[in-house]
Amino acid sequence: MVNLRSLLGLKKDIILETNAPGSWPKIRLREEDFKKGRVRFLFSFFTKLMVEAKKNRIQISGPIYYECLGPEGVIDIPCQIKYGKEEAALFPYSEVNDANSGEYLRSKRFMMEKFGVKSYYYAPGKLNEKAKETNPFRIFKPRDVTEAEGYKADGIYSLWWSSKKGEGFSGSRTRELLMGISKNLDGIEPYAMAQLGRSANFVSGEASRADLPEEELVVPVKGPDDRVLLICSSKEKGIVFKFHTKDTPPEYRDEFLATFLDYVKELKRDINGKGLKIERYDGQSPNERFSSLVKSFEADERKGKGLIDPVVFKDGSISQS
């Protein structure tokens, strides 16, 4: 029997498999959408989804691709769907294999454990829901912090705060991470400053380096999970992040610092591998100064202060707490 589509040179359509509720739309893509890379596939998928969603009374309830923070780093969530009174995360795949199956299963578990949200997939075939979980997390990238324009940022921000009775800064994971970040940033601060600054719109131009300011620069940024935090940079302290003490779970603070430390280590390897210039400071380096400041922070803790290096951010201005 002659295939009329082949005879006419028409491309084959593929209806994606899904484990989503039956009321969700059927997504039909062209064969070529799978052959021209992941970006082409995702563009075609979301274009079709937006059209079909209106017909099926489901709604894309957030941005396409947003970042969430987890215990192993940052995870990119393709989108979230609202249907009726429920919401679910949606994961599209252009291939069916054990790696994608395992990534979906780990993502599904993460979304349920952290947000209590179900997860569904679309793929050109059924995923193996008995596959071994694989890691969907990645390390921090500068694009994970962006300008916090339009986000409420007022409040008290701190490097660390006591969240339960008897908890101390001296032996905390936060202290260990802060010291690791400062040590590994030593001499490469201008490179990190340039990358973070361009993403958060406080450094202009395309230069690979940006000097630390003499006076502390404090910039509110939006991080993973749409949480507002402060990037604080100066020649005295280097580059540090401060977190909203009321709105930020301590777990988020430490997870963020851990993946930022991984980014700094990777940046350092890249700079050393390329033989790029390492910053030399007259007198103490920011790392040496920060190490001295940590000793004063520990003295503050012994005096009963539950916040380490806090600042008040209100109406765009910073004051010491």
C-alpha atoms as a PDB file:
ATOM      1  CA  MET A   1       0.000   0.000   0.000  1.00  0.00           C
ATOM      2  CA  VAL A   2       1.390   3.387  -1.009  1.00  0.00           C
ATOM      3  CA  ASN A   3       1.876   5.806   1.889  1.00  0.00           C
ATOM      4  CA  LEU A   4       0.239   9.012   0.634  1.00  0.00           C
ATOM      5  CA  ARG A   5       2.138  11.183   3.142  1.00  0.00           C
ATOM      6  CA  SER A   6       5.484   9.798   1.949  1.00  0.00           C
ATOM      7  CA  LEU A   7       4.436  10.148  -1.671  1.00  0.00           C
ATOM      8  CA  LEU A   8       3.624  13.819  -1.131  1.00  0.00           C
ATOM      9  CA  GLY A   9       6.785  14.388   0.875  1.00  0.00           C
ATOM     10  CA  LEU A  10       4.860  15.253   4.045  1.00  0.00           C
ATOM     11  CA  LYS A  11       6.559  15.024   7.419  1.00  0.00           C
ATOM     12  CA  LYS A  12       5.326  12.499   9.961  1.00  0.00           C
ATOM     13  CA  ASP A  13       3.416  13.762  13.000  1.00  0.00           C
ATOM     14  CA  ILE A  14       4.169  12.304  16.439  1.00  0.00           C
ATOM     15  CA  ILE A  15       1.644  12.384  19.266  1.00  0.00           C
ATOM     16  CA  LEU A  16       3.532  12.572  22.551  1.00  0.00           C
ATOM     17  CA  GLU A  17       2.890  10.073  25.316  1.00  0.00           C
ATOM     18  CA  THR A  18       2.009  11.498  28.737  1.00  0.00           C
ATOM     19  CA  ASN A  19       1.098  10.298  32.204  1.00  0.00           C
ATOM     20  CA  ALA A  20      -0.907  13.489  32.823  1.00  0.00           C
ATOM     21  CA  PRO A  21      -4.658  13.395  33.551  1.00  0.00           C
ATOM     22  CA  GLY A  22      -6.889  12.576  30.602  1.00  0.00           C
ATOM     23  CA  SER A  23      -8.240  16.128  30.537  1.00  0.00           C
ATOM     24  CA  TRP A  24      -4.799  17.461  29.554  1.00  0.00           C
ATOM     25  CA  PRO A  25      -4.187  18.145  25.849  1.00  0.00           C
ATOM     26  CA  LYS A  26      -2.725  15.744  23.345  1.00  0.00           C
ATOM     27  CA  ILE A  27       0.443  17.304  21.944  1.00  0.00           C
ATOM     28  CA  ARG A  28       1.236  16.547  18.320  1.00  0.00           C
ATOM     29  CA  LEU A  29       4.645  17.584  16.923  1.00  0.00           C
ATOM     30  CA  ARG A  30       6.354  17.204  13.573  1.00  0.00           C
ATOM     31  CA  GLU A  31       9.066  14.595  13.179  1.00  0.00           C
ATOM     32  CA  GLU A  32      11.589  17.321  12.387  1.00  0.00           C
ATOM     33  CA  ASP A  33      10.954  18.940  15.802  1.00  0.00           C
ATOM     34  CA  PHE A  34      12.871  16.042  17.366  1.00  0.00           C
ATOM     35  CA  LYS A  35      15.799  16.145  14.961  1.00  0.00           C
ATOM     36  CA  LYS A  36      16.970  19.753  15.232  1.00  0.00           C
ATOM     37  CA  GLY A  37      18.116  19.893  18.838  1.00  0.00           C
ATOM     38  CA  ARG A  38      16.570  20.389  22.244  1.00  0.00           C
ATOM     39  CA  VAL A  39      15.951  24.126  21.813  1.00  0.00           C
ATOM     40  CA  ARG A  40      13.864  23.512  18.666  1.00  0.00           C
ATOM     41  CA  PHE A  41      11.950  20.722  20.418  1.00  0.00           C
ATOM     42  CA  LEU A  42      11.155  22.844  23.477  1.00  0.00           C
ATOM     43  CA  PHE A  43      10.110  25.837  21.368  1.00  0.00           C
ATOM     44  CA  SER A  44       7.740  23.678  19.330  1.00  0.00           C
ATOM     45  CA  PHE A  45       6.425  21.887  22.421  1.00  0.00           C
ATOM     46  CA  PHE A  46       5.594  25.026  24.404  1.00  0.00           C
ATOM     47  CA  THR A  47       4.149  26.788  21.359  1.00  0.00           C
ATOM     48  CA  LYS A  48       1.765  23.867  20.848  1.00  0.00           C
ATOM     49  CA  LEU A  49       1.044  23.573  24.579  1.00  0.00           C
ATOM     50  CA  MET A  50       0.008  27.214  24.848  1.00  0.00           C
ATOM     51  CA  VAL A  51      -2.464  26.773  21.991  1.00  0.00           C
ATOM     52  CA  GLU A  52      -3.889  23.502  23.276  1.00  0.00           C
ATOM     53  CA  ALA A  53      -4.020  24.625  26.922  1.00  0.00           C
ATOM     54  CA  LYS A  54      -6.688  27.201  26.141  1.00  0.00           C
ATOM     55  CA  LYS A  55      -8.877  24.540  24.537  1.00  0.00           C
ATOM     56  CA  ASN A  56      -8.512  22.176  27.497  1.00  0.00           C
ATOM     57  CA  ARG A  57      -8.988  24.751  30.252  1.00  0.00           C
ATOM     58  CA  ILE A  58      -5.576  24.300  31.776  1.00  0.00           C
ATOM     59  CA  GLN A  59      -3.273  27.212  32.514  1.00  0.00           C
ATOM     60  CA  ILE A  60       0.489  27.704  32.568  1.00  0.00           C
ATOM     61  CA  SER A  61       0.745  29.240  36.048  1.00  0.00           C
ATOM     62  CA  GLY A  62       4.319  30.517  36.018  1.00  0.00           C
ATOM     63  CA  PRO A  63       7.269  31.309  33.760  1.00  0.00           C
ATOM     64  CA  ILE A  64       8.624  28.841  31.223  1.00  0.00           C
ATOM     65  CA  TYR A  65      11.710  27.417  32.907  1.00  0.00           C
ATOM     66  CA  TYR A  66      12.331  28.627  36.432  1.00  0.00           C
ATOM     67  CA  GLU A  67      14.988  27.672  38.969  1.00  0.00           C
ATOM     68  CA  CYS A  68      14.414  25.858  42.256  1.00  0.00           C
ATOM     69  CA  LEU A  69      16.994  25.153  44.926  1.00  0.00           C
ATOM     70  CA  GLY A  70      17.473  21.652  46.267  1.00  0.00           C
ATOM     71  CA  PRO A  71      19.913  19.681  48.407  1.00  0.00           C
ATOM     72  CA  GLU A  72      22.097  18.840  45.402  1.00  0.00           C
ATOM     73  CA  GLY A  73      22.088  22.224  43.659  1.00  0.00           C
ATOM     74  CA  VAL A  74      19.734  24.019  41.280  1.00  0.00           C
ATOM     75  CA  ILE A  75      17.019  22.298  39.264  1.00  0.00           C
ATOM     76  CA  ASP A  76      15.364  23.845  36.208  1.00  0.00           C
ATOM     77  CA  ILE A  77      11.595  23.289  36.201  1.00  0.00           C
ATOM     78  CA  PRO A  78      10.210  23.584  32.647  1.00  0.00           C
ATOM     79  CA  CYS A  79       6.805  24.899  33.723  1.00  0.00           C
ATOM     80  CA  GLN A  80       3.931  24.553  36.159  1.00  0.00           C
ATOM     81  CA  ILE A  81       0.381  23.823  35.090  1.00  0.00           C
ATOM     82  CA  LYS A  82      -2.802  24.795  36.900  1.00  0.00           C
ATOM     83  CA  TYR A  83      -5.842  22.634  36.267  1.00  0.00           C
ATOM     84  CA  GLY A  84      -8.964  23.044  38.353  1.00  0.00           C
ATOM     85  CA  LYS A  85      -7.828  23.507  41.944  1.00  0.00           C
ATOM     86  CA  GLU A  86      -4.574  21.610  41.465  1.00  0.00           C
ATOM     87  CA  GLU A  87      -1.109  22.445  40.172  1.00  0.00           C
ATOM     88  CA  ALA A  88       1.552  20.187  38.720  1.00  0.00           C
ATOM     89  CA  ALA A  89       5.054  20.470  37.302  1.00  0.00           C
ATOM     90  CA  LEU A  90       5.519  19.482  33.673  1.00  0.00           C
ATOM     91  CA  PHE A  91       8.628  17.878  32.148  1.00  0.00           C
ATOM     92  CA  PRO A  92       8.901  17.500  28.340  1.00  0.00           C
ATOM     93  CA  TYR A  93      11.471  15.119  26.839  1.00  0.00           C
ATOM     94  CA  SER A  94      12.521  14.736  23.204  1.00  0.00           C
ATOM     95  CA  GLU A  95      13.934  11.239  23.754  1.00  0.00           C
ATOM     96  CA  VAL A  96      12.954   8.145  25.704  1.00  0.00           C
ATOM     97  CA  ASN A  97      15.880   6.575  27.555  1.00  0.00           C
ATOM     98  CA  ASP A  98      16.834   5.506  31.064  1.00  0.00           C
ATOM     99  CA  ALA A  99      18.704   8.775  31.710  1.00  0.00           C
ATOM    100  CA  ASN A 100      15.595  10.883  31.029  1.00  0.00           C
ATOM    101  CA  SER A 101      13.394   8.411  32.875  1.00  0.00           C
ATOM    102  CA  GLY A 102      15.657   8.553  35.945  1.00  0.00           C
ATOM    103  CA  GLU A 103      15.884  12.353  35.789  1.00  0.00           C
ATOM    104  CA  TYR A 104      12.088  12.612  35.651  1.00  0.00           C
ATOM    105  CA  LEU A 105      11.678  10.283  38.653  1.00  0.00           C
ATOM    106  CA  ARG A 106      14.138  12.272  40.792  1.00  0.00           C
ATOM    107  CA  SER A 107      12.519  15.557  39.722  1.00  0.00           C
ATOM    108  CA  LYS A 108       9.094  14.145  40.516  1.00  0.00           C
ATOM    109  CA  ARG A 109      10.202  13.119  44.008  1.00  0.00           C
ATOM    110  CA  PHE A 110      11.821  16.508  44.634  1.00  0.00           C
ATOM    111  CA  MET A 111       8.708  18.469  43.620  1.00  0.00           C
ATOM    112  CA  MET A 112       6.485  16.370  45.856  1.00  0.00           C
ATOM    113  CA  GLU A 113       8.846  16.513  48.860  1.00  0.00           C
ATOM    114  CA  LYS A 114       9.524  20.259  48.639  1.00  0.00           C
ATOM    115  CA  PHE A 115       6.262  21.689  47.338  1.00  0.00           C
ATOM    116  CA  GLY A 116       3.699  18.897  47.600  1.00  0.00           C
ATOM    117  CA  VAL A 117       3.215  19.196  43.825  1.00  0.00           C
ATOM    118  CA  LYS A 118       2.657  16.322  41.397  1.00  0.00           C
ATOM    119  CA  SER A 119       4.751  15.997  38.240  1.00  0.00           C
ATOM    120  CA  TYR A 120       3.899  14.729  34.761  1.00  0.00           C
ATOM    121  CA  TYR A 121       5.844  14.229  31.549  1.00  0.00           C
ATOM    122  CA  TYR A 122       5.395  14.402  27.794  1.00  0.00           C
ATOM    123  CA  ALA A 123       7.721  12.298  25.624  1.00  0.00           C
ATOM    124  CA  PRO A 124       7.719  10.490  22.251  1.00  0.00           C
ATOM    125  CA  GLY A 125       7.173   7.222  24.144  1.00  0.00           C
ATOM    126  CA  LYS A 126       6.469   5.978  27.651  1.00  0.00           C
ATOM    127  CA  LEU A 127       9.200   6.666  30.204  1.00  0.00           C
ATOM    128  CA  ASN A 128      10.410   3.804  32.367  1.00  0.00           C
ATOM    129  CA  GLU A 129       8.925   4.571  35.767  1.00  0.00           C
ATOM    130  CA  LYS A 130      11.041   1.796  37.309  1.00  0.00           C
ATOM    131  CA  ALA A 131      14.327   3.289  36.106  1.00  0.00           C
ATOM    132  CA  LYS A 132      17.085   4.192  38.557  1.00  0.00           C
ATOM    133  CA  GLU A 133      16.903   7.845  39.581  1.00  0.00           C
ATOM    134  CA  THR A 134      19.487  10.131  37.963  1.00  0.00           C
ATOM    135  CA  ASN A 135      20.569  13.590  39.080  1.00  0.00           C
ATOM    136  CA  PRO A 136      18.643  16.523  37.502  1.00  0.00           C
ATOM    137  CA  PHE A 137      20.474  19.130  39.614  1.00  0.00           C
ATOM    138  CA  ARG A 138      23.287  21.401  38.428  1.00  0.00           C
ATOM    139  CA  ILE A 139      25.601  23.835  40.151  1.00  0.00           C
ATOM    140  CA  PHE A 140      24.853  27.548  40.498  1.00  0.00           C
ATOM    141  CA  LYS A 141      25.229  29.750  37.416  1.00  0.00           C
ATOM    142  CA  PRO A 142      25.406  33.572  37.458  1.00  0.00           C
ATOM    143  CA  ARG A 143      22.082  33.695  35.580  1.00  0.00           C
ATOM    144  CA  ASP A 144      20.442  32.251  38.710  1.00  0.00           C
ATOM    145  CA  VAL A 145      20.573  35.715  40.296  1.00  0.00           C
ATOM    146  CA  THR A 146      18.802  38.503  38.431  1.00  0.00           C
ATOM    147  CA  GLU A 147      17.677  42.040  39.127  1.00  0.00           C
ATOM    148  CA  ALA A 148      15.005  42.060  41.850  1.00  0.00           C
ATOM    149  CA  GLU A 149      12.975  44.837  40.254  1.00  0.00           C
ATOM    150  CA  GLY A 150       9.347  44.625  41.344  1.00  0.00           C
ATOM    151  CA  TYR A 151      10.079  42.208  44.194  1.00  0.00           C
ATOM    152  CA  LYS A 152       9.504  43.185  47.830  1.00  0.00           C
ATOM    153  CA  ALA A 153      12.930  43.349  49.446  1.00  0.00           C
ATOM    154  CA  ASP A 154      12.481  45.237  52.741  1.00  0.00           C
ATOM    155  CA  GLY A 155      13.597  43.515  55.929  1.00  0.00           C
ATOM    156  CA  ILE A 156      16.592  42.340  57.948  1.00  0.00           C
ATOM    157  CA  TYR A 157      19.243  40.385  56.038  1.00  0.00           C
ATOM    158  CA  SER A 158      22.108  38.480  57.583  1.00  0.00           C
ATOM    159  CA  LEU A 159      24.939  36.072  56.778  1.00  0.00           C
ATOM    160  CA  TRP A 160      23.606  33.725  59.460  1.00  0.00           C
ATOM    161  CA  TRP A 161      20.985  33.665  62.186  1.00  0.00           C
ATOM    162  CA  SER A 162      20.073  31.268  64.934  1.00  0.00           C
ATOM    163  CA  SER A 163      16.944  29.312  64.009  1.00  0.00           C
ATOM    164  CA  LYS A 164      16.695  27.102  67.080  1.00  0.00           C
ATOM    165  CA  LYS A 165      17.734  27.148  70.712  1.00  0.00           C
ATOM    166  CA  GLY A 166      21.356  26.262  71.354  1.00  0.00           C
ATOM    167  CA  GLU A 167      22.386  26.638  67.710  1.00  0.00           C
ATOM    168  CA  GLY A 168      25.690  28.479  67.208  1.00  0.00           C
ATOM    169  CA  PHE A 169      27.526  30.072  64.304  1.00  0.00           C
ATOM    170  CA  SER A 170      30.971  28.762  65.300  1.00  0.00           C
ATOM    171  CA  GLY A 171      30.337  25.123  64.440  1.00  0.00           C
ATOM    172  CA  SER A 172      27.690  25.685  61.807  1.00  0.00           C
ATOM    173  CA  ARG A 173      27.676  24.493  58.223  1.00  0.00           C
ATOM    174  CA  THR A 174      27.069  28.121  57.221  1.00  0.00           C
ATOM    175  CA  ARG A 175      30.391  29.222  58.713  1.00  0.00           C
ATOM    176  CA  GLU A 176      32.204  26.405  56.925  1.00  0.00           C
ATOM    177  CA  LEU A 177      30.600  27.339  53.587  1.00  0.00           C
ATOM    178  CA  LEU A 178      31.300  31.071  54.005  1.00  0.00           C
ATOM    179  CA  MET A 179      34.951  30.373  54.747  1.00  0.00           C
ATOM    180  CA  GLY A 180      35.182  27.990  51.772  1.00  0.00           C
ATOM    181  CA  ILE A 181      33.679  30.594  49.435  1.00  0.00           C
ATOM    182  CA  SER A 182      36.016  33.331  50.672  1.00  0.00           C
ATOM    183  CA  LYS A 183      39.098  31.089  50.397  1.00  0.00           C
ATOM    184  CA  ASN A 184      38.289  29.907  46.860  1.00  0.00           C
ATOM    185  CA  LEU A 185      37.345  33.415  45.675  1.00  0.00           C
ATOM    186  CA  ASP A 186      40.735  34.721  46.799  1.00  0.00           C
ATOM    187  CA  GLY A 187      42.306  36.457  43.792  1.00  0.00           C
ATOM    188  CA  ILE A 188      39.449  35.729  41.367  1.00  0.00           C
ATOM    189  CA  GLU A 189      36.860  38.096  42.873  1.00  0.00           C
ATOM    190  CA  PRO A 190      36.882  40.435  39.804  1.00  0.00           C
ATOM    191  CA  TYR A 191      35.816  37.574  37.504  1.00  0.00           C
ATOM    192  CA  ALA A 192      32.942  36.537  39.760  1.00  0.00           C
ATOM    193  CA  MET A 193      31.984  40.197  40.231  1.00  0.00           C
ATOM    194  CA  ALA A 194      31.736  40.679  36.450  1.00  0.00           C
ATOM    195  CA  GLN A 195      29.640  37.553  35.905  1.00  0.00           C
ATOM    196  CA  LEU A 196      27.235  38.186  38.782  1.00  0.00           C
ATOM    197  CA  GLY A 197      27.030  41.902  38.042  1.00  0.00           C
ATOM    198  CA  ARG A 198      26.083  41.452  34.397  1.00  0.00           C
ATOM    199  CA  SER A 199      23.366  38.956  35.279  1.00  0.00           C
ATOM    200  CA  ALA A 200      21.911  41.178  38.028  1.00  0.00           C
ATOM    201  CA  ASN A 201      22.421  44.391  36.047  1.00  0.00           C
ATOM    202  CA  PHE A 202      24.828  46.198  38.372  1.00  0.00           C
ATOM    203  CA  VAL A 203      27.875  45.790  36.102  1.00  0.00           C
ATOM    204  CA  SER A 204      27.741  46.973  32.494  1.00  0.00           C
ATOM    205  CA  GLY A 205      29.834  46.057  29.492  1.00  0.00           C
ATOM    206  CA  GLU A 206      31.364  42.782  28.368  1.00  0.00           C
ATOM    207  CA  ALA A 207      34.662  42.877  30.297  1.00  0.00           C
ATOM    208  CA  SER A 208      35.584  39.598  31.993  1.00  0.00           C
ATOM    209  CA  ARG A 209      36.662  41.435  35.167  1.00  0.00           C
ATOM    210  CA  ALA A 210      35.095  44.071  37.428  1.00  0.00           C
ATOM    211  CA  ASP A 211      36.946  45.534  40.406  1.00  0.00           C
ATOM    212  CA  LEU A 212      35.505  45.231  43.892  1.00  0.00           C
ATOM    213  CA  PRO A 213      34.299  48.618  45.168  1.00  0.00           C
ATOM    214  CA  GLU A 214      36.045  50.464  47.998  1.00  0.00           C
ATOM    215  CA  GLU A 215      32.696  51.186  49.672  1.00  0.00           C
ATOM    216  CA  GLU A 216      30.376  48.243  50.148  1.00  0.00           C
ATOM    217  CA  LEU A 217      27.897  47.804  47.294  1.00  0.00           C
ATOM    218  CA  VAL A 218      24.650  46.109  48.317  1.00  0.00           C
ATOM    219  CA  VAL A 219      22.273  44.939  45.591  1.00  0.00           C
ATOM    220  CA  PRO A 220      18.970  43.073  46.057  1.00  0.00           C
ATOM    221  CA  VAL A 221      18.657  40.186  43.595  1.00  0.00           C
ATOM    222  CA  LYS A 222      16.152  37.467  42.827  1.00  0.00           C
ATOM    223  CA  GLY A 223      17.560  33.996  43.372  1.00  0.00           C
ATOM    224  CA  PRO A 224      16.205  30.467  42.869  1.00  0.00           C
ATOM    225  CA  ASP A 225      12.620  29.924  44.099  1.00  0.00           C
ATOM    226  CA  ASP A 226      12.045  33.648  43.447  1.00  0.00           C
ATOM    227  CA  ARG A 227      13.581  34.520  46.825  1.00  0.00           C
ATOM    228  CA  VAL A 228      15.146  37.951  47.307  1.00  0.00           C
ATOM    229  CA  LEU A 229      18.676  38.070  48.723  1.00  0.00           C
ATOM    230  CA  LEU A 230      21.440  40.656  48.860  1.00  0.00           C
ATOM    231  CA  ILE A 231      24.773  40.542  47.037  1.00  0.00           C
ATOM    232  CA  CYS A 232      27.257  42.524  49.128  1.00  0.00           C
ATOM    233  CA  SER A 233      30.654  43.293  47.609  1.00  0.00           C
ATOM    234  CA  SER A 234      33.634  45.301  48.796  1.00  0.00           C
ATOM    235  CA  LYS A 235      37.398  45.114  49.062  1.00  0.00           C
ATOM    236  CA  GLU A 236      36.956  44.510  52.774  1.00  0.00           C
ATOM    237  CA  LYS A 237      34.647  41.460  52.624  1.00  0.00           C
ATOM    238  CA  GLY A 238      34.939  40.277  49.031  1.00  0.00           C
ATOM    239  CA  ILE A 239      31.609  38.943  47.752  1.00  0.00           C
ATOM    240  CA  VAL A 240      29.020  37.633  50.210  1.00  0.00           C
ATOM    241  CA  PHE A 241      25.308  36.936  50.161  1.00  0.00           C
ATOM    242  CA  LYS A 242      22.894  37.950  52.906  1.00  0.00           C
ATOM    243  CA  PHE A 243      19.486  36.362  53.339  1.00  0.00           C
ATOM    244  CA  HIS A 244      16.143  37.649  54.594  1.00  0.00           C
ATOM    245  CA  THR A 245      15.991  36.352  58.162  1.00  0.00           C
ATOM    246  CA  LYS A 246      12.186  36.058  58.283  1.00  0.00           C
ATOM    247  CA  ASP A 247      11.386  34.734  54.816  1.00  0.00           C
ATOM    248  CA  THR A 248      14.365  32.433  54.192  1.00  0.00           C
ATOM    249  CA  PRO A 249      14.483  28.893  55.607  1.00  0.00           C
ATOM    250  CA  PRO A 250      17.953  28.097  57.001  1.00  0.00           C
ATOM    251  CA  GLU A 251      18.055  25.074  54.672  1.00  0.00           C
ATOM    252  CA  TYR A 252      17.756  27.395  51.666  1.00  0.00           C
ATOM    253  CA  ARG A 253      20.620  29.569  52.949  1.00  0.00           C
ATOM    254  CA  ASP A 254      22.969  26.606  53.261  1.00  0.00           C
ATOM    255  CA  GLU A 255      21.861  24.955  50.013  1.00  0.00           C
ATOM    256  CA  PHE A 256      22.447  28.229  48.163  1.00  0.00           C
ATOM    257  CA  LEU A 257      25.897  28.743  49.705  1.00  0.00           C
ATOM    258  CA  ALA A 258      26.858  25.131  48.946  1.00  0.00           C
ATOM    259  CA  THR A 259      26.042  25.369  45.237  1.00  0.00           C
ATOM    260  CA  PHE A 260      27.607  28.850  45.024  1.00  0.00           C
ATOM    261  CA  LEU A 261      30.794  27.346  46.488  1.00  0.00           C
ATOM    262  CA  ASP A 262      30.720  24.707  43.728  1.00  0.00           C
ATOM    263  CA  TYR A 263      30.429  27.511  41.156  1.00  0.00           C
ATOM    264  CA  VAL A 264      33.390  29.376  42.686  1.00  0.00           C
ATOM    265  CA  LYS A 265      35.538  26.234  42.624  1.00  0.00           C
ATOM    266  CA  GLU A 266      34.645  25.622  38.974  1.00  0.00           C
ATOM    267  CA  LEU A 267      35.378  29.269  38.097  1.00  0.00           C
ATOM    268  CA  LYS A 268      38.755  29.026  39.853  1.00  0.00           C
ATOM    269  CA  ARG A 269      39.671  25.864  37.904  1.00  0.00           C
ATOM    270  CA  ASP A 270      38.704  27.556  34.643  1.00  0.00           C
ATOM    271  CA  ILE A 271      40.752  30.695  35.393  1.00  0.00           C
ATOM    272  CA  ASN A 272      43.791  28.693  36.456  1.00  0.00           C
ATOM    273  CA  GLY A 273      43.439  26.396  33.449  1.00  0.00           C
ATOM    274  CA  LYS A 274      43.466  29.392  31.074  1.00  0.00           C
ATOM    275  CA  GLY A 275      46.354  31.059  32.897  1.00  0.00           C
ATOM    276  CA  LEU A 276      44.365  34.250  33.472  1.00  0.00           C
ATOM    277  CA  LYS A 277      45.489  37.033  35.773  1.00  0.00           C
ATOM    278  CA  ILE A 278      45.010  36.468  39.503  1.00  0.00           C
ATOM    279  CA  GLU A 279      44.354  39.610  41.537  1.00  0.00           C
ATOM    280  CA  ARG A 280      47.130  40.732  43.891  1.00  0.00           C
ATOM    281  CA  TYR A 281      46.139  43.088  46.707  1.00  0.00           C
ATOM    282  CA  ASP A 282      48.216  45.658  48.577  1.00  0.00           C
ATOM    283  CA  GLY A 283      48.066  44.612  52.211  1.00  0.00           C
ATOM    284  CA  GLN A 284      45.403  42.146  53.275  1.00  0.00           C
ATOM    285  CA  SER A 285      43.293  40.396  50.673  1.00  0.00           C
ATOM    286  CA  PRO A 286      39.472  40.273  51.021  1.00  0.00           C
ATOM    287  CA  ASN A 287      39.839  36.655  52.130  1.00  0.00           C
ATOM    288  CA  GLU A 288      42.255  37.605  54.926  1.00  0.00           C
ATOM    289  CA  ARG A 289      39.993  40.457  56.020  1.00  0.00           C
ATOM    290  CA  PHE A 290      36.916  38.267  55.949  1.00  0.00           C
ATOM    291  CA  SER A 291      38.682  35.641  58.062  1.00  0.00           C
ATOM    292  CA  SER A 292      39.396  38.345  60.641  1.00  0.00           C
ATOM    293  CA  LEU A 293      35.782  39.493  60.506  1.00  0.00           C
ATOM    294  CA  VAL A 294      34.602  35.953  61.189  1.00  0.00           C
ATOM    295  CA  LYS A 295      36.477  36.069  64.494  1.00  0.00           C
ATOM    296  CA  SER A 296      34.607  39.248  65.397  1.00  0.00           C
ATOM    297  CA  PHE A 297      31.338  37.563  64.341  1.00  0.00           C
ATOM    298  CA  GLU A 298      32.100  34.735  66.742  1.00  0.00           C
ATOM    299  CA  ALA A 299      32.763  37.266  69.493  1.00  0.00           C
ATOM    300  CA  ASP A 300      29.343  38.812  68.766  1.00  0.00           C
ATOM    301  CA  GLU A 301      27.806  35.374  69.075  1.00  0.00           C
ATOM    302  CA  ARG A 302      29.391  34.865  72.492  1.00  0.00           C
ATOM    303  CA  LYS A 303      27.729  38.129  73.563  1.00  0.00           C
ATOM    304  CA  GLY A 304      24.373  36.561  72.778  1.00  0.00           C
ATOM    305  CA  LYS A 305      23.698  38.122  69.383  1.00  0.00           C
ATOM    306  CA  GLY A 306      21.612  35.789  67.236  1.00  0.00           C
ATOM    307  CA  LEU A 307      22.432  37.502  63.919  1.00  0.00           C
ATOM    308  CA  ILE A 308      25.771  37.642  62.129  1.00  0.00           C
ATOM    309  CA  ASP A 309      26.578  40.908  60.293  1.00  0.00           C
ATOM    310  CA  PRO A 310      22.913  41.947  59.815  1.00  0.00           C
ATOM    311  CA  VAL A 311      21.698  44.892  57.760  1.00  0.00           C
ATOM    312  CA  VAL A 312      18.288  46.511  57.341  1.00  0.00           C
ATOM    313  CA  PHE A 313      17.096  47.025  53.789  1.00  0.00           C
ATOM    314  CA  LYS A 314      14.207  49.466  53.461  1.00  0.00           C
ATOM    315  CA  ASP A 315      12.961  51.545  50.535  1.00  0.00           C
ATOM    316  CA  GLY A 316      16.146  50.900  48.607  1.00  0.00           C
ATOM    317  CA  SER A 317      18.482  51.993  51.421  1.00  0.00           C
ATOM    318  CA  ILE A 318      20.776  50.011  53.718  1.00  0.00           C
ATOM    319  CA  SER A 319      21.406  50.602  57.401  1.00  0.00           C
ATOM    320  CA  GLN A 320      23.133  48.546  60.054  1.00  0.00           C
ATOM    321  CA  SER A 321      20.767  46.530  62.240  1.00  0.00           C
END
